[in-house]
Amino acid sequence: CIMGKVAAHMGKEGDATPFTDVT
């Protein structure tokens, strides 16, 4: 998913786990 990539990129700075979980 495109959102997953964005979430991973943004979450990488803080919370990548919850971000990827949401996607």
PDB file of N, CA and C in Angstrom:
ATOM      1  N   CYS A   1       0.831  -1.214   0.000  1.00  0.00           N
ATOM      2  CA  CYS A   1       0.000   0.000   0.000  1.00  0.00           C
ATOM      3  C   CYS A   1       0.862   1.259   0.000  1.00  0.00           C
ATOM      4  N   ILE A   2       0.410   2.288  -0.662  1.00  0.00           N
ATOM      5  CA  ILE A   2       1.179   3.538  -0.685  1.00  0.00           C
ATOM      6  C   ILE A   2       1.193   4.160   0.705  1.00  0.00           C
ATOM      7  N   MET A   3       0.051   4.091   1.395  1.00  0.00           N
ATOM      8  CA  MET A   3      -0.045   4.675   2.741  1.00  0.00           C
ATOM      9  C   MET A   3       0.943   3.979   3.678  1.00  0.00           C
ATOM     10  N   GLY A   4       1.121   2.699   3.482  1.00  0.00           N
ATOM     11  CA  GLY A   4       2.051   1.950   4.324  1.00  0.00           C
ATOM     12  C   GLY A   4       3.459   2.510   4.199  1.00  0.00           C
ATOM     13  N   LYS A   5       3.835   2.851   2.957  1.00  0.00           N
ATOM     14  CA  LYS A   5       5.177   3.399   2.732  1.00  0.00           C
ATOM     15  C   LYS A   5       5.310   4.748   3.427  1.00  0.00           C
ATOM     16  N   VAL A   6       4.281   5.553   3.309  1.00  0.00           N
ATOM     17  CA  VAL A   6       4.300   6.884   3.936  1.00  0.00           C
ATOM     18  C   VAL A   6       4.323   6.740   5.452  1.00  0.00           C
ATOM     19  N   ALA A   7       3.521   5.818   5.955  1.00  0.00           N
ATOM     20  CA  ALA A   7       3.448   5.612   7.400  1.00  0.00           C
ATOM     21  C   ALA A   7       4.793   5.119   7.917  1.00  0.00           C
ATOM     22  N   ALA A   8       5.413   4.234   7.169  1.00  0.00           N
ATOM     23  CA  ALA A   8       6.711   3.700   7.586  1.00  0.00           C
ATOM     24  C   ALA A   8       7.745   4.814   7.595  1.00  0.00           C
ATOM     25  N   HIS A   9       7.669   5.678   6.606  1.00  0.00           N
ATOM     26  CA  HIS A   9       8.635   6.778   6.512  1.00  0.00           C
ATOM     27  C   HIS A   9       8.421   7.770   7.654  1.00  0.00           C
ATOM     28  N   MET A  10       7.164   8.109   7.908  1.00  0.00           N
ATOM     29  CA  MET A  10       6.854   9.071   8.973  1.00  0.00           C
ATOM     30  C   MET A  10       7.013   8.406  10.340  1.00  0.00           C
ATOM     31  N   GLY A  11       6.563   7.169  10.448  1.00  0.00           N
ATOM     32  CA  GLY A  11       6.647   6.455  11.723  1.00  0.00           C
ATOM     33  C   GLY A  11       8.091   6.134  12.088  1.00  0.00           C
ATOM     34  N   LYS A  12       8.923   5.966  11.062  1.00  0.00           N
ATOM     35  CA  LYS A  12      10.323   5.635  11.324  1.00  0.00           C
ATOM     36  C   LYS A  12      10.953   6.666  12.271  1.00  0.00           C
ATOM     37  N   GLU A  13      10.427   7.877  12.227  1.00  0.00           N
ATOM     38  CA  GLU A  13      10.991   8.930  13.072  1.00  0.00           C
ATOM     39  C   GLU A  13      10.500   8.794  14.509  1.00  0.00           C
ATOM     40  N   GLY A  14       9.381   8.115  14.696  1.00  0.00           N
ATOM     41  CA  GLY A  14       8.867   7.993  16.062  1.00  0.00           C
ATOM     42  C   GLY A  14       8.232   6.641  16.314  1.00  0.00           C
ATOM     43  N   ASP A  15       7.015   6.443  15.779  1.00  0.00           N
ATOM     44  CA  ASP A  15       6.300   5.183  16.024  1.00  0.00           C
ATOM     45  C   ASP A  15       5.972   4.496  14.709  1.00  0.00           C
ATOM     46  N   ALA A  16       6.826   3.604  14.294  1.00  0.00           N
ATOM     47  CA  ALA A  16       6.597   2.908  13.035  1.00  0.00           C
ATOM     48  C   ALA A  16       5.654   1.730  13.261  1.00  0.00           C
ATOM     49  N   THR A  17       5.692   1.167  14.460  1.00  0.00           N
ATOM     50  CA  THR A  17       4.862  -0.002  14.744  1.00  0.00           C
ATOM     51  C   THR A  17       3.371   0.331  14.687  1.00  0.00           C
ATOM     52  N   PRO A  18       2.919   1.309  15.452  1.00  0.00           N
ATOM     53  CA  PRO A  18       1.492   1.655  15.440  1.00  0.00           C
ATOM     54  C   PRO A  18       1.037   2.159  14.077  1.00  0.00           C
ATOM     55  N   PHE A  19       1.926   2.864  13.381  1.00  0.00           N
ATOM     56  CA  PHE A  19       1.559   3.398  12.075  1.00  0.00           C
ATOM     57  C   PHE A  19       1.293   2.264  11.094  1.00  0.00           C
ATOM     58  N   THR A  20       2.190   1.297  11.068  1.00  0.00           N
ATOM     59  CA  THR A  20       2.027   0.171  10.159  1.00  0.00           C
ATOM     60  C   THR A  20       0.818  -0.665  10.578  1.00  0.00           C
ATOM     61  N   ASP A  21       0.545  -0.708  11.874  1.00  0.00           N
ATOM     62  CA  ASP A  21      -0.580  -1.490  12.366  1.00  0.00           C
ATOM     63  C   ASP A  21      -1.891  -0.894  11.854  1.00  0.00           C
ATOM     64  N   VAL A  22      -1.956   0.418  11.832  1.00  0.00           N
ATOM     65  CA  VAL A  22      -3.172   1.099  11.382  1.00  0.00           C
ATOM     66  C   VAL A  22      -3.413   0.802   9.910  1.00  0.00           C
ATOM     67  N   THR A  23      -2.326   0.778   9.133  1.00  0.00           N
ATOM     68  CA  THR A  23      -2.460   0.541   7.698  1.00  0.00           C
ATOM     69  C   THR A  23      -2.715  -0.937   7.489  1.00  0.00           C
TER      70      THR A  23
END
